[in-house]
Amino acid sequence: MSTNSSTILTPLATPMPGPGMGNATTFTLDNPTFCCYLFWSTVLVAKMLLMSLLTALQRFRYKIFPNEEDLFFKNLEVKFDDPHVERVRRAHRNDMENILPYFIMSLIYISTNPSQAIACNLFRVASVARIVHTLVYAVYPVPQPSRILAFATMLCITFYMAAVVALRTLSFI
């Protein structure tokens, strides 16, 4: 019985040849797919950090502060339910609920040694979709379906990567 070298389990330090099987350089700067992931993940992390600043900006702009010690201005009361601040906070929470699972799924997807062109385009489209989502939700609200389309784009990409991983690893269970 002949054995295909791509189905043999090998130690992690040994490169594993064949499509769908990662190798020792999968998560290094020698892998262009991983570099593309690092770049677009950095963009998304920076975007999420900017959401905190946008929340603070909205708080100062509308003089809405949730804590007594944060009241910089006289004659202000603690307030929690300003629609401008809450919109930004909801957009930020939506980022955390969607981008963090995307980061994990993307890393798992990279371990399957996907096509560089497909993977990099998925990373680009997902990142741009989340930026658009923030713009149409928190910065300049636009009527639906703009927000749902931006949201669904990254969600579909994350599910696609999960399906690829599941199909490529199904034979190992």
C-alpha atoms as a PDB file:
ATOM      1  CA  MET A   1       0.000   0.000   0.000  1.00  0.00           C
ATOM      2  CA  SER A   2       1.554   3.320  -1.027  1.00  0.00           C
ATOM      3  CA  THR A   3       1.402   6.298   1.269  1.00  0.00           C
ATOM      4  CA  ASN A   4       0.977   9.890   0.142  1.00  0.00           C
ATOM      5  CA  SER A   5       3.600  12.063   1.874  1.00  0.00           C
ATOM      6  CA  SER A   6       1.065  14.863   2.450  1.00  0.00           C
ATOM      7  CA  THR A   7      -1.041  12.641   4.718  1.00  0.00           C
ATOM      8  CA  ILE A   8       1.797  11.503   6.964  1.00  0.00           C
ATOM      9  CA  LEU A   9       1.811  13.200  10.343  1.00  0.00           C
ATOM     10  CA  THR A  10       5.212  14.756  10.975  1.00  0.00           C
ATOM     11  CA  PRO A  11       6.729  16.731  13.851  1.00  0.00           C
ATOM     12  CA  LEU A  12       5.913  20.456  13.876  1.00  0.00           C
ATOM     13  CA  ALA A  13       9.518  21.461  13.184  1.00  0.00           C
ATOM     14  CA  THR A  14       9.617  19.437   9.961  1.00  0.00           C
ATOM     15  CA  PRO A  15       8.098  21.036   6.853  1.00  0.00           C
ATOM     16  CA  MET A  16       4.974  19.235   5.673  1.00  0.00           C
ATOM     17  CA  PRO A  17       4.731  19.310   1.880  1.00  0.00           C
ATOM     18  CA  GLY A  18       1.558  19.204  -0.111  1.00  0.00           C
ATOM     19  CA  PRO A  19      -1.511  21.347  -0.553  1.00  0.00           C
ATOM     20  CA  GLY A  20      -3.556  22.014   2.533  1.00  0.00           C
ATOM     21  CA  MET A  21      -0.727  21.148   4.883  1.00  0.00           C
ATOM     22  CA  GLY A  22       1.147  23.922   6.674  1.00  0.00           C
ATOM     23  CA  ASN A  23       4.875  23.955   7.146  1.00  0.00           C
ATOM     24  CA  ALA A  24       7.455  25.291   9.570  1.00  0.00           C
ATOM     25  CA  THR A  25       7.384  28.724   7.912  1.00  0.00           C
ATOM     26  CA  THR A  26       3.589  29.129   7.933  1.00  0.00           C
ATOM     27  CA  PHE A  27       3.571  31.735  10.698  1.00  0.00           C
ATOM     28  CA  THR A  28       6.734  33.651   9.821  1.00  0.00           C
ATOM     29  CA  LEU A  29       7.503  36.698   7.723  1.00  0.00           C
ATOM     30  CA  ASP A  30       8.718  34.300   5.017  1.00  0.00           C
ATOM     31  CA  ASN A  31       5.079  33.489   4.237  1.00  0.00           C
ATOM     32  CA  PRO A  32       3.463  36.231   2.098  1.00  0.00           C
ATOM     33  CA  THR A  33      -0.036  35.083   3.095  1.00  0.00           C
ATOM     34  CA  PHE A  34       0.806  35.459   6.775  1.00  0.00           C
ATOM     35  CA  CYS A  35       2.355  38.897   6.078  1.00  0.00           C
ATOM     36  CA  CYS A  36      -0.849  39.976   4.356  1.00  0.00           C
ATOM     37  CA  TYR A  37      -2.827  38.748   7.375  1.00  0.00           C
ATOM     38  CA  LEU A  38      -0.499  40.680   9.725  1.00  0.00           C
ATOM     39  CA  PHE A  39      -0.941  43.903   7.762  1.00  0.00           C
ATOM     40  CA  TRP A  40      -4.738  43.765   7.562  1.00  0.00           C
ATOM     41  CA  SER A  41      -5.038  42.592  11.169  1.00  0.00           C
ATOM     42  CA  THR A  42      -2.972  45.593  12.200  1.00  0.00           C
ATOM     43  CA  VAL A  43      -5.343  47.846  10.261  1.00  0.00           C
ATOM     44  CA  LEU A  44      -8.316  46.313  12.083  1.00  0.00           C
ATOM     45  CA  VAL A  45      -6.668  46.593  15.501  1.00  0.00           C
ATOM     46  CA  ALA A  46      -5.887  50.262  14.827  1.00  0.00           C
ATOM     47  CA  LYS A  47      -9.502  50.776  13.723  1.00  0.00           C
ATOM     48  CA  MET A  48     -10.777  49.205  16.932  1.00  0.00           C
ATOM     49  CA  LEU A  49      -8.474  51.386  19.013  1.00  0.00           C
ATOM     50  CA  LEU A  50      -9.744  54.444  17.164  1.00  0.00           C
ATOM     51  CA  MET A  51     -13.275  53.449  18.177  1.00  0.00           C
ATOM     52  CA  SER A  52     -12.280  54.091  21.800  1.00  0.00           C
ATOM     53  CA  LEU A  53     -11.085  57.542  20.834  1.00  0.00           C
ATOM     54  CA  LEU A  54     -14.287  58.157  18.868  1.00  0.00           C
ATOM     55  CA  THR A  55     -16.316  57.226  21.957  1.00  0.00           C
ATOM     56  CA  ALA A  56     -14.318  59.697  24.037  1.00  0.00           C
ATOM     57  CA  LEU A  57     -14.736  62.365  21.376  1.00  0.00           C
ATOM     58  CA  GLN A  58     -18.512  61.872  21.406  1.00  0.00           C
ATOM     59  CA  ARG A  59     -18.558  62.071  25.207  1.00  0.00           C
ATOM     60  CA  PHE A  60     -16.734  65.418  25.192  1.00  0.00           C
ATOM     61  CA  ARG A  61     -18.664  66.742  22.201  1.00  0.00           C
ATOM     62  CA  TYR A  62     -22.036  66.125  23.846  1.00  0.00           C
ATOM     63  CA  LYS A  63     -20.776  66.442  27.457  1.00  0.00           C
ATOM     64  CA  ILE A  64     -21.938  62.958  28.397  1.00  0.00           C
ATOM     65  CA  PHE A  65     -19.968  61.265  31.166  1.00  0.00           C
ATOM     66  CA  PRO A  66     -20.772  57.954  32.900  1.00  0.00           C
ATOM     67  CA  ASN A  67     -18.817  58.543  36.105  1.00  0.00           C
ATOM     68  CA  GLU A  68     -18.974  61.265  38.731  1.00  0.00           C
ATOM     69  CA  GLU A  69     -15.205  61.784  38.630  1.00  0.00           C
ATOM     70  CA  ASP A  70     -15.328  62.364  34.862  1.00  0.00           C
ATOM     71  CA  LEU A  71     -17.520  65.467  35.111  1.00  0.00           C
ATOM     72  CA  PHE A  72     -15.089  68.143  33.916  1.00  0.00           C
ATOM     73  CA  PHE A  73     -17.767  70.766  33.442  1.00  0.00           C
ATOM     74  CA  LYS A  74     -19.940  72.404  36.097  1.00  0.00           C
ATOM     75  CA  ASN A  75     -23.662  71.714  36.255  1.00  0.00           C
ATOM     76  CA  LEU A  76     -23.422  68.315  34.542  1.00  0.00           C
ATOM     77  CA  GLU A  77     -24.910  65.077  35.750  1.00  0.00           C
ATOM     78  CA  VAL A  78     -23.852  61.507  35.159  1.00  0.00           C
ATOM     79  CA  LYS A  79     -25.630  60.212  32.057  1.00  0.00           C
ATOM     80  CA  PHE A  80     -25.607  56.815  30.367  1.00  0.00           C
ATOM     81  CA  ASP A  81     -28.075  56.889  27.525  1.00  0.00           C
ATOM     82  CA  ASP A  82     -26.967  59.473  24.979  1.00  0.00           C
ATOM     83  CA  PRO A  83     -27.792  58.183  21.477  1.00  0.00           C
ATOM     84  CA  HIS A  84     -24.580  59.555  19.907  1.00  0.00           C
ATOM     85  CA  VAL A  85     -22.294  57.897  22.437  1.00  0.00           C
ATOM     86  CA  GLU A  86     -24.312  54.680  22.486  1.00  0.00           C
ATOM     87  CA  ARG A  87     -24.186  54.366  18.693  1.00  0.00           C
ATOM     88  CA  VAL A  88     -20.378  54.452  18.752  1.00  0.00           C
ATOM     89  CA  ARG A  89     -20.270  52.031  21.678  1.00  0.00           C
ATOM     90  CA  ARG A  90     -22.558  49.594  19.842  1.00  0.00           C
ATOM     91  CA  ALA A  91     -20.357  49.793  16.744  1.00  0.00           C
ATOM     92  CA  HIS A  92     -17.282  49.120  18.897  1.00  0.00           C
ATOM     93  CA  ARG A  93     -18.973  46.146  20.588  1.00  0.00           C
ATOM     94  CA  ASN A  94     -19.977  44.833  17.162  1.00  0.00           C
ATOM     95  CA  ASP A  95     -16.318  45.040  16.125  1.00  0.00           C
ATOM     96  CA  MET A  96     -15.247  42.977  19.124  1.00  0.00           C
ATOM     97  CA  GLU A  97     -17.968  40.391  18.481  1.00  0.00           C
ATOM     98  CA  ASN A  98     -16.957  39.952  14.842  1.00  0.00           C
ATOM     99  CA  ILE A  99     -13.315  40.909  14.398  1.00  0.00           C
ATOM    100  CA  LEU A 100     -11.895  38.832  17.253  1.00  0.00           C
ATOM    101  CA  PRO A 101     -13.393  35.524  15.972  1.00  0.00           C
ATOM    102  CA  TYR A 102     -12.263  36.545  12.466  1.00  0.00           C
ATOM    103  CA  PHE A 103      -8.665  36.910  13.717  1.00  0.00           C
ATOM    104  CA  ILE A 104      -8.699  33.404  15.176  1.00  0.00           C
ATOM    105  CA  MET A 105     -10.391  31.817  12.162  1.00  0.00           C
ATOM    106  CA  SER A 106      -7.959  33.571   9.809  1.00  0.00           C
ATOM    107  CA  LEU A 107      -4.956  32.134  11.642  1.00  0.00           C
ATOM    108  CA  ILE A 108      -6.455  28.656  11.519  1.00  0.00           C
ATOM    109  CA  TYR A 109      -7.216  29.178   7.818  1.00  0.00           C
ATOM    110  CA  ILE A 110      -3.594  30.205   7.147  1.00  0.00           C
ATOM    111  CA  SER A 111      -2.451  26.928   8.717  1.00  0.00           C
ATOM    112  CA  THR A 112      -4.168  25.068   5.851  1.00  0.00           C
ATOM    113  CA  ASN A 113      -1.780  26.692   3.382  1.00  0.00           C
ATOM    114  CA  PRO A 114      -4.474  28.369   1.249  1.00  0.00           C
ATOM    115  CA  SER A 115      -3.927  30.039  -2.088  1.00  0.00           C
ATOM    116  CA  GLN A 116      -2.069  33.283  -1.424  1.00  0.00           C
ATOM    117  CA  ALA A 117      -4.216  35.266  -3.862  1.00  0.00           C
ATOM    118  CA  ILE A 118      -7.491  34.034  -2.401  1.00  0.00           C
ATOM    119  CA  ALA A 119      -6.405  34.448   1.213  1.00  0.00           C
ATOM    120  CA  CYS A 120      -5.008  37.945   0.721  1.00  0.00           C
ATOM    121  CA  ASN A 121      -8.124  39.058  -1.117  1.00  0.00           C
ATOM    122  CA  LEU A 122     -10.290  37.661   1.681  1.00  0.00           C
ATOM    123  CA  PHE A 123      -8.239  39.595   4.250  1.00  0.00           C
ATOM    124  CA  ARG A 124      -8.486  42.799   2.198  1.00  0.00           C
ATOM    125  CA  VAL A 125     -12.217  42.570   1.558  1.00  0.00           C
ATOM    126  CA  ALA A 126     -13.030  41.662   5.165  1.00  0.00           C
ATOM    127  CA  SER A 127     -10.981  44.581   6.498  1.00  0.00           C
ATOM    128  CA  VAL A 128     -12.452  47.110   4.094  1.00  0.00           C
ATOM    129  CA  ALA A 129     -15.941  45.800   4.909  1.00  0.00           C
ATOM    130  CA  ARG A 130     -15.384  46.440   8.621  1.00  0.00           C
ATOM    131  CA  ILE A 131     -14.090  49.941   7.934  1.00  0.00           C
ATOM    132  CA  VAL A 132     -17.174  50.614   5.814  1.00  0.00           C
ATOM    133  CA  HIS A 133     -19.341  49.162   8.598  1.00  0.00           C
ATOM    134  CA  THR A 134     -17.875  51.650  11.064  1.00  0.00           C
ATOM    135  CA  LEU A 135     -18.312  54.554   8.677  1.00  0.00           C
ATOM    136  CA  VAL A 136     -21.972  53.810   7.922  1.00  0.00           C
ATOM    137  CA  TYR A 137     -22.825  52.930  11.512  1.00  0.00           C
ATOM    138  CA  ALA A 138     -20.842  55.185  13.834  1.00  0.00           C
ATOM    139  CA  VAL A 139     -19.343  58.045  11.826  1.00  0.00           C
ATOM    140  CA  TYR A 140     -21.940  58.943   9.215  1.00  0.00           C
ATOM    141  CA  PRO A 141     -25.086  56.828   9.695  1.00  0.00           C
ATOM    142  CA  VAL A 142     -26.536  55.627   6.411  1.00  0.00           C
ATOM    143  CA  PRO A 143     -29.843  53.760   5.973  1.00  0.00           C
ATOM    144  CA  GLN A 144     -29.880  49.992   5.561  1.00  0.00           C
ATOM    145  CA  PRO A 145     -28.880  47.858   3.705  1.00  0.00           C
ATOM    146  CA  SER A 146     -25.427  49.487   3.826  1.00  0.00           C
ATOM    147  CA  ARG A 147     -24.603  48.339   7.350  1.00  0.00           C
ATOM    148  CA  ILE A 148     -25.941  44.805   6.944  1.00  0.00           C
ATOM    149  CA  LEU A 149     -23.995  44.352   3.698  1.00  0.00           C
ATOM    150  CA  ALA A 150     -20.753  45.462   5.363  1.00  0.00           C
ATOM    151  CA  PHE A 151     -21.485  43.242   8.376  1.00  0.00           C
ATOM    152  CA  ALA A 152     -22.421  40.217   6.261  1.00  0.00           C
ATOM    153  CA  THR A 153     -19.283  40.510   4.122  1.00  0.00           C
ATOM    154  CA  MET A 154     -16.901  39.744   6.975  1.00  0.00           C
ATOM    155  CA  LEU A 155     -19.296  37.200   8.461  1.00  0.00           C
ATOM    156  CA  CYS A 156     -19.470  35.286   5.162  1.00  0.00           C
ATOM    157  CA  ILE A 157     -15.691  35.400   4.782  1.00  0.00           C
ATOM    158  CA  THR A 158     -15.240  34.034   8.299  1.00  0.00           C
ATOM    159  CA  PHE A 159     -17.728  31.233   7.592  1.00  0.00           C
ATOM    160  CA  TYR A 160     -16.004  30.502   4.273  1.00  0.00           C
ATOM    161  CA  MET A 161     -12.633  30.130   6.012  1.00  0.00           C
ATOM    162  CA  ALA A 162     -14.239  27.892   8.653  1.00  0.00           C
ATOM    163  CA  ALA A 163     -15.726  25.702   5.931  1.00  0.00           C
ATOM    164  CA  VAL A 164     -12.371  25.403   4.155  1.00  0.00           C
ATOM    165  CA  VAL A 165     -10.658  24.401   7.394  1.00  0.00           C
ATOM    166  CA  ALA A 166     -13.394  21.914   8.242  1.00  0.00           C
ATOM    167  CA  LEU A 167     -13.272  20.303   4.799  1.00  0.00           C
ATOM    168  CA  ARG A 168      -9.478  20.088   4.767  1.00  0.00           C
ATOM    169  CA  THR A 169      -9.327  18.532   8.222  1.00  0.00           C
ATOM    170  CA  LEU A 170     -12.397  16.294   8.035  1.00  0.00           C
ATOM    171  CA  SER A 171     -10.341  13.259   7.068  1.00  0.00           C
ATOM    172  CA  PHE A 172      -8.344  13.531  10.314  1.00  0.00           C
ATOM    173  CA  ILE A 173     -11.277  13.027  12.674  1.00  0.00           C
END
